[in-house]
Structures are given as structure tokens and as C-alpha cells.
Amino acid sequence: MKAVIQAGGKGTRLRPYTLVLPKPLMPVGHMPVIEILLKWLRRNGVREVYVTVGYLGHLIKALCGDGNQWDMAIHYSDEPEPLGTIGPLKLLQDRLTETFLVLNGDLITDLDLRALTEFHRSRGGLVTVATTKKSIQIDLGVLESTNARLCAFHEKPVKSYFVSMGIYCMEPKILAHVPTGVPFGFDNLMHHMLATDLPVYAYEHNGSWMDIGREEDFLRAQEFIRDNQSMLIGN
């Protein structure tokens, strides 16, 4: 199976770090996050990867090369301008002719990709989204009222939601729904599919997952990797 790693963004939420390095090259433990990601893909049987690059893409190419060091074949797709999370797939339309994976270039997980793929194929849809449950604390007192009269108060409540992990299993036919040459994000794709009644399935993952999109996430990832060294070398 082929995988597409989205690595073309500017990582603005991680500035000033990303003024020097693209986000996929940010170190987690002793490895750039994209190296952790590639080794995880290889352990899951993926041997052909396309990396979409834009901002500071030459640095990503210099580190990853052709993938030979990981017994993989790595190809690159240069975005002429930022195309969002899904838009770059249109540039690879001729190469994505079978079920393929799409993932963000800034995440760490122990998701079983074979199980995700089997689930996806069993449902027969165009897109399956890997999801995980995330708890978020609201650092404010939350009020509930009816006709302006207070009926409930919650001090800094914790809410739990199923969130996208930034990992998707897709069929080539989905590319017919992606416009050419314009920014098109995952949110745009989901709104389009729901509006046109195209089924989207969710695969629930109960293991480890994190991204490094924000500074607090990046710092948390360092602590996590210190306690979970097997994530770097595999089980």
C-alpha cells in the first residue's frame, strides 16, 4: 500500500522554531518526527511513500532521501503553492490507483494500519478516518440557562470528543471530488461528502496518539517519548 505524508505546511503555531526547521523535522527525543513516522509506516508494511513538500521542503528531502536507509521508496511532490491537507493529492492522481493512506507529517502513534485498512475495506466507503478520544478541560465556569435564568453551573468542566488523528484510508475515486489547483482541506472534503450523502466511516483507536502542532503538544511529546522509547524502535 502507498502512503502520502502531508509535509508542506509552514507550522505557524510552532514559531519561532519553524522559522528554522519545517515542522516534520522537529526533534522528538533524538529523532525528527517524520523519521519516527516513516519507521512506523515501515513496521506496518508500507514500503512506498509520497511526501508532499512546500515550505523548507529541501531540508526534508535532504534528511529522508530516497528512503533506501529504511528499505522504502520515497518520492516527493512539490506544491507550487499551499493546497491544504487534501488538495495536494490531486497532484498525485495518476499514482494513487489503489487504496492508499494519507497522514499528517507531525504525528506519533501506535495505530495498527493493517487493522485500519481491513476495517476500511469491509465498509466499502471512499474514506475512513482514524479517530481517538480526547478530553479537553474548559478553563472557565460554564453556565446553562433557560429564559435567562441560571439552571446549572459547571466549574472548569472536562469534555470528551472523538477527534481526527490526521490519518485517513482512501479510495482513488475520492480524488474526483478534490478540485485542481486550489486549497482544499480535510474539513472541505468532510463537508462536501456529508452534503452529498457520501458515506464516511470512523475507525476508533484506543492506543497512543499525539501531534506536535502546538508548543505545548511538542513539549508533551518529549515527555511521552522519554517514557515510551519503544515508539522509536518498535516492539
Foldseek 3Di string as FASTA:
>chain_A
DEEEEEQADQLVQAPPVSVVPGQQQDDQAHGRLLLLVVLLCVVLPHAEYEYEHEVVVVVVCVVCPQVVVNNHGYHYDYDPDAAAQPQSVLVVLVPQQFKYKYAYSFKFWNDNVVVVVVVCVVVPAFKEFEKEKDKDWDQAKDFDDDPPHTDDIDHRDIDIDIDGQRMMIGGSVLSVVHDHPHHDYPVNSVVVCVVVVGDYHYDYDHGDMAGPSHPVRSVVSNVVCVVVVCSRVPD
